[in-house]
Amino acid sequence: MDLWIPVLLFVMGLIALFLELFVPAAGVIGGAGIICMIIGTVLGYRILGRAAGSIFLAGTLIGTPAMIVIGLKLFPKTFVGKKLILWHSQQQESGFTSYTKDMYEGLAGKTGTVVTPLRPSGMVMIGSKKYSVVTSGEMILKDKKIKVVKVEGSRIVVRESA
């Protein structure tokens, strides 16, 4: 029975490393797997001799990266992987936008119409586009005319125009 202990520890370590990729355990299962593989390798040297210990060591050095690669290839196909990985990109045509420097360039001085009451933030229509804006503190009612006072990054400041 003593001869099987290093083999069992080593195999348990490989299985634990494989499971670590699929079970969210913050590295506990993977750490236990690495410890099992190290103990299995050391016991392989002590109990089974230098040749068997070297086989365990080679298995550790080859098996660990192999399990990680196999797990990473399989992970996206699992239930957890399908829930965690973003599969669809966000397109501007669908209404998704991220801030870029040139998006609001040239808005300063332009005029538009209030779409929602500005208390002090809300939506305005400038040209054919809607923008989220803020005022300097005053409330501006819907359908009033506004003028863009300044643009600070993605923050558009407006005031009621006369």
C-alpha atoms as a PDB file:
ATOM      1  CA  MET A   1       0.000   0.000   0.000  1.00  0.00           C
ATOM      2  CA  ASP A   2       2.901   2.368   0.675  1.00  0.00           C
ATOM      3  CA  LEU A   3       3.787   2.241  -3.006  1.00  0.00           C
ATOM      4  CA  TRP A   4       0.439   3.723  -4.038  1.00  0.00           C
ATOM      5  CA  ILE A   5       0.500   6.727  -1.701  1.00  0.00           C
ATOM      6  CA  PRO A   6       2.794   8.879  -3.913  1.00  0.00           C
ATOM      7  CA  VAL A   7       0.782   7.956  -7.011  1.00  0.00           C
ATOM      8  CA  LEU A   8      -2.549   8.771  -5.324  1.00  0.00           C
ATOM      9  CA  LEU A   9      -1.258  12.092  -3.987  1.00  0.00           C
ATOM     10  CA  PHE A  10       0.107  13.015  -7.392  1.00  0.00           C
ATOM     11  CA  VAL A  11      -3.135  12.147  -9.219  1.00  0.00           C
ATOM     12  CA  MET A  12      -5.213  13.934  -6.566  1.00  0.00           C
ATOM     13  CA  GLY A  13      -3.021  17.000  -7.079  1.00  0.00           C
ATOM     14  CA  LEU A  14      -3.576  16.951 -10.847  1.00  0.00           C
ATOM     15  CA  ILE A  15      -7.335  16.582 -10.365  1.00  0.00           C
ATOM     16  CA  ALA A  16      -7.365  19.433  -7.838  1.00  0.00           C
ATOM     17  CA  LEU A  17      -5.488  21.693 -10.275  1.00  0.00           C
ATOM     18  CA  PHE A  18      -8.003  20.849 -12.982  1.00  0.00           C
ATOM     19  CA  LEU A  19     -10.939  21.538 -10.638  1.00  0.00           C
ATOM     20  CA  GLU A  20      -9.473  24.887  -9.581  1.00  0.00           C
ATOM     21  CA  LEU A  21     -10.215  26.232 -13.043  1.00  0.00           C
ATOM     22  CA  PHE A  22     -13.919  25.382 -12.772  1.00  0.00           C
ATOM     23  CA  VAL A  23     -14.752  25.837  -9.078  1.00  0.00           C
ATOM     24  CA  PRO A  24     -14.436  29.352  -7.653  1.00  0.00           C
ATOM     25  CA  ALA A  25     -12.372  28.678  -4.521  1.00  0.00           C
ATOM     26  CA  ALA A  26      -9.889  31.587  -4.580  1.00  0.00           C
ATOM     27  CA  GLY A  27      -6.917  29.288  -5.172  1.00  0.00           C
ATOM     28  CA  VAL A  28      -7.508  26.969  -2.202  1.00  0.00           C
ATOM     29  CA  ILE A  29      -8.142  23.879  -4.340  1.00  0.00           C
ATOM     30  CA  GLY A  30      -5.219  24.702  -6.653  1.00  0.00           C
ATOM     31  CA  GLY A  31      -2.902  25.319  -3.703  1.00  0.00           C
ATOM     32  CA  ALA A  32      -3.921  21.993  -2.163  1.00  0.00           C
ATOM     33  CA  GLY A  33      -3.330  20.348  -5.539  1.00  0.00           C
ATOM     34  CA  ILE A  34       0.177  21.767  -5.821  1.00  0.00           C
ATOM     35  CA  ILE A  35       0.973  20.671  -2.258  1.00  0.00           C
ATOM     36  CA  CYS A  36      -0.318  17.149  -3.030  1.00  0.00           C
ATOM     37  CA  MET A  37       1.832  17.000  -6.158  1.00  0.00           C
ATOM     38  CA  ILE A  38       4.934  18.178  -4.266  1.00  0.00           C
ATOM     39  CA  ILE A  39       4.368  15.676  -1.440  1.00  0.00           C
ATOM     40  CA  GLY A  40       3.685  12.939  -4.013  1.00  0.00           C
ATOM     41  CA  THR A  41       6.939  13.763  -5.813  1.00  0.00           C
ATOM     42  CA  VAL A  42       8.980  13.809  -2.575  1.00  0.00           C
ATOM     43  CA  LEU A  43       7.431  10.514  -1.443  1.00  0.00           C
ATOM     44  CA  GLY A  44       8.065   9.131  -4.922  1.00  0.00           C
ATOM     45  CA  TYR A  45      11.777   9.827  -4.474  1.00  0.00           C
ATOM     46  CA  ARG A  46      11.854   8.407  -0.922  1.00  0.00           C
ATOM     47  CA  ILE A  47       9.685   5.317  -1.334  1.00  0.00           C
ATOM     48  CA  LEU A  48      10.056   4.351  -4.984  1.00  0.00           C
ATOM     49  CA  GLY A  49      13.592   5.551  -5.669  1.00  0.00           C
ATOM     50  CA  ARG A  50      15.334   8.055  -7.875  1.00  0.00           C
ATOM     51  CA  ALA A  51      13.936   6.839 -11.226  1.00  0.00           C
ATOM     52  CA  ALA A  52      10.297   6.887 -10.079  1.00  0.00           C
ATOM     53  CA  GLY A  53      10.794  10.218  -8.307  1.00  0.00           C
ATOM     54  CA  SER A  54      12.168  11.699 -11.516  1.00  0.00           C
ATOM     55  CA  ILE A  55       9.078  10.460 -13.359  1.00  0.00           C
ATOM     56  CA  PHE A  56       6.883  12.178 -10.753  1.00  0.00           C
ATOM     57  CA  LEU A  57       8.928  15.366 -11.110  1.00  0.00           C
ATOM     58  CA  ALA A  58       8.623  15.272 -14.899  1.00  0.00           C
ATOM     59  CA  GLY A  59       4.893  14.633 -14.513  1.00  0.00           C
ATOM     60  CA  THR A  60       4.622  17.668 -12.256  1.00  0.00           C
ATOM     61  CA  LEU A  61       6.542  19.894 -14.657  1.00  0.00           C
ATOM     62  CA  ILE A  62       4.543  18.684 -17.675  1.00  0.00           C
ATOM     63  CA  GLY A  63       1.191  17.906 -16.028  1.00  0.00           C
ATOM     64  CA  THR A  64       0.675  21.240 -14.300  1.00  0.00           C
ATOM     65  CA  PRO A  65       0.914  23.421 -17.433  1.00  0.00           C
ATOM     66  CA  ALA A  66      -1.017  20.790 -19.412  1.00  0.00           C
ATOM     67  CA  MET A  67      -3.910  20.851 -16.917  1.00  0.00           C
ATOM     68  CA  ILE A  68      -3.940  24.638 -16.967  1.00  0.00           C
ATOM     69  CA  VAL A  69      -4.015  24.763 -20.787  1.00  0.00           C
ATOM     70  CA  ILE A  70      -6.708  22.063 -21.014  1.00  0.00           C
ATOM     71  CA  GLY A  71      -8.754  23.800 -18.346  1.00  0.00           C
ATOM     72  CA  LEU A  72      -8.501  27.172 -20.054  1.00  0.00           C
ATOM     73  CA  LYS A  73      -9.581  25.635 -23.359  1.00  0.00           C
ATOM     74  CA  LEU A  74     -12.587  23.933 -21.724  1.00  0.00           C
ATOM     75  CA  PHE A  75     -13.532  26.741 -19.313  1.00  0.00           C
ATOM     76  CA  PRO A  76     -15.381  28.944 -21.847  1.00  0.00           C
ATOM     77  CA  LYS A  77     -17.648  25.979 -22.701  1.00  0.00           C
ATOM     78  CA  THR A  78     -18.726  25.343 -19.099  1.00  0.00           C
ATOM     79  CA  PHE A  79     -21.797  26.797 -17.382  1.00  0.00           C
ATOM     80  CA  VAL A  80     -19.650  29.108 -15.240  1.00  0.00           C
ATOM     81  CA  GLY A  81     -17.512  30.131 -18.219  1.00  0.00           C
ATOM     82  CA  LYS A  82     -20.568  31.038 -20.269  1.00  0.00           C
ATOM     83  CA  LYS A  83     -21.796  33.257 -17.429  1.00  0.00           C
ATOM     84  CA  LEU A  84     -18.443  34.991 -16.786  1.00  0.00           C
ATOM     85  CA  ILE A  85     -17.149  35.642 -20.307  1.00  0.00           C
ATOM     86  CA  LEU A  86     -18.473  38.554 -22.355  1.00  0.00           C
ATOM     87  CA  TRP A  87     -19.345  37.083 -25.738  1.00  0.00           C
ATOM     88  CA  HIS A  88     -20.877  40.100 -27.494  1.00  0.00           C
ATOM     89  CA  SER A  89     -19.187  43.395 -28.167  1.00  0.00           C
ATOM     90  CA  GLN A  90     -20.993  46.643 -27.526  1.00  0.00           C
ATOM     91  CA  GLN A  91     -21.730  48.567 -30.699  1.00  0.00           C
ATOM     92  CA  GLN A  92     -22.413  52.292 -30.966  1.00  0.00           C
ATOM     93  CA  GLU A  93     -25.343  51.541 -33.307  1.00  0.00           C
ATOM     94  CA  SER A  94     -27.020  49.695 -30.412  1.00  0.00           C
ATOM     95  CA  GLY A  95     -26.733  52.748 -28.165  1.00  0.00           C
ATOM     96  CA  PHE A  96     -23.489  51.895 -26.375  1.00  0.00           C
ATOM     97  CA  THR A  97     -20.921  54.661 -26.249  1.00  0.00           C
ATOM     98  CA  SER A  98     -17.750  55.252 -24.353  1.00  0.00           C
ATOM     99  CA  TYR A  99     -16.111  58.602 -23.882  1.00  0.00           C
ATOM    100  CA  THR A 100     -13.532  59.740 -26.413  1.00  0.00           C
ATOM    101  CA  LYS A 101     -11.885  63.160 -26.446  1.00  0.00           C
ATOM    102  CA  ASP A 102     -13.272  64.179 -29.822  1.00  0.00           C
ATOM    103  CA  MET A 103     -16.886  63.199 -28.977  1.00  0.00           C
ATOM    104  CA  TYR A 104     -17.741  66.537 -27.389  1.00  0.00           C
ATOM    105  CA  GLU A 105     -15.197  68.661 -29.226  1.00  0.00           C
ATOM    106  CA  GLY A 106     -16.838  71.681 -30.808  1.00  0.00           C
ATOM    107  CA  LEU A 107     -19.980  71.676 -28.621  1.00  0.00           C
ATOM    108  CA  ALA A 108     -18.975  74.811 -26.697  1.00  0.00           C
ATOM    109  CA  GLY A 109     -21.139  77.716 -27.849  1.00  0.00           C
ATOM    110  CA  LYS A 110     -23.756  75.546 -29.596  1.00  0.00           C
ATOM    111  CA  THR A 111     -27.445  75.838 -28.785  1.00  0.00           C
ATOM    112  CA  GLY A 112     -30.111  73.224 -28.293  1.00  0.00           C
ATOM    113  CA  THR A 113     -33.430  72.333 -26.686  1.00  0.00           C
ATOM    114  CA  VAL A 114     -34.086  70.802 -23.259  1.00  0.00           C
ATOM    115  CA  VAL A 115     -35.607  67.305 -23.589  1.00  0.00           C
ATOM    116  CA  THR A 116     -36.011  66.585 -19.860  1.00  0.00           C
ATOM    117  CA  PRO A 117     -36.092  69.200 -17.089  1.00  0.00           C
ATOM    118  CA  LEU A 118     -32.558  70.084 -15.984  1.00  0.00           C
ATOM    119  CA  ARG A 119     -32.487  69.834 -12.150  1.00  0.00           C
ATOM    120  CA  PRO A 120     -29.531  70.548 -12.560  1.00  0.00           C
ATOM    121  CA  SER A 121     -28.830  67.576 -14.847  1.00  0.00           C
ATOM    122  CA  GLY A 122     -30.840  66.063 -17.661  1.00  0.00           C
ATOM    123  CA  MET A 123     -30.984  65.530 -21.404  1.00  0.00           C
ATOM    124  CA  VAL A 124     -30.814  68.088 -24.201  1.00  0.00           C
ATOM    125  CA  MET A 125     -31.008  67.849 -27.973  1.00  0.00           C
ATOM    126  CA  ILE A 126     -28.182  69.613 -29.804  1.00  0.00           C
ATOM    127  CA  GLY A 127     -28.563  69.232 -33.531  1.00  0.00           C
ATOM    128  CA  SER A 128     -29.850  65.691 -34.033  1.00  0.00           C
ATOM    129  CA  LYS A 129     -28.103  64.152 -30.993  1.00  0.00           C
ATOM    130  CA  LYS A 130     -29.133  63.826 -27.360  1.00  0.00           C
ATOM    131  CA  TYR A 131     -26.599  64.683 -24.676  1.00  0.00           C
ATOM    132  CA  SER A 132     -26.561  64.308 -20.906  1.00  0.00           C
ATOM    133  CA  VAL A 133     -25.744  67.747 -19.488  1.00  0.00           C
ATOM    134  CA  VAL A 134     -25.612  69.750 -16.250  1.00  0.00           C
ATOM    135  CA  THR A 135     -26.350  73.351 -15.424  1.00  0.00           C
ATOM    136  CA  SER A 136     -24.416  75.621 -13.081  1.00  0.00           C
ATOM    137  CA  GLY A 137     -27.070  74.987 -10.436  1.00  0.00           C
ATOM    138  CA  GLU A 138     -30.226  76.531 -11.844  1.00  0.00           C
ATOM    139  CA  MET A 139     -33.252  74.540 -13.008  1.00  0.00           C
ATOM    140  CA  ILE A 140     -34.246  74.767 -16.669  1.00  0.00           C
ATOM    141  CA  LEU A 141     -37.672  73.531 -17.771  1.00  0.00           C
ATOM    142  CA  LYS A 142     -38.432  71.222 -20.696  1.00  0.00           C
ATOM    143  CA  ASP A 143     -38.535  72.715 -24.229  1.00  0.00           C
ATOM    144  CA  LYS A 144     -36.445  75.780 -23.215  1.00  0.00           C
ATOM    145  CA  LYS A 145     -33.481  76.846 -25.343  1.00  0.00           C
ATOM    146  CA  ILE A 146     -29.995  76.285 -23.919  1.00  0.00           C
ATOM    147  CA  LYS A 147     -26.433  77.201 -24.824  1.00  0.00           C
ATOM    148  CA  VAL A 148     -23.346  75.103 -24.068  1.00  0.00           C
ATOM    149  CA  VAL A 149     -21.114  77.138 -21.744  1.00  0.00           C
ATOM    150  CA  LYS A 150     -18.175  74.741 -21.464  1.00  0.00           C
ATOM    151  CA  VAL A 151     -17.129  71.139 -21.933  1.00  0.00           C
ATOM    152  CA  GLU A 152     -14.921  69.492 -19.271  1.00  0.00           C
ATOM    153  CA  GLY A 153     -14.023  65.998 -20.433  1.00  0.00           C
ATOM    154  CA  SER A 154     -17.364  64.204 -20.686  1.00  0.00           C
ATOM    155  CA  ARG A 155     -19.193  66.854 -18.625  1.00  0.00           C
ATOM    156  CA  ILE A 156     -21.213  69.359 -20.659  1.00  0.00           C
ATOM    157  CA  VAL A 157     -22.250  72.520 -18.790  1.00  0.00           C
ATOM    158  CA  VAL A 158     -25.182  74.532 -20.187  1.00  0.00           C
ATOM    159  CA  ARG A 159     -27.212  77.648 -19.331  1.00  0.00           C
ATOM    160  CA  GLU A 160     -30.574  78.915 -20.509  1.00  0.00           C
ATOM    161  CA  SER A 161     -30.216  81.090 -23.587  1.00  0.00           C
ATOM    162  CA  ALA A 162     -32.169  84.302 -24.000  1.00  0.00           C
END
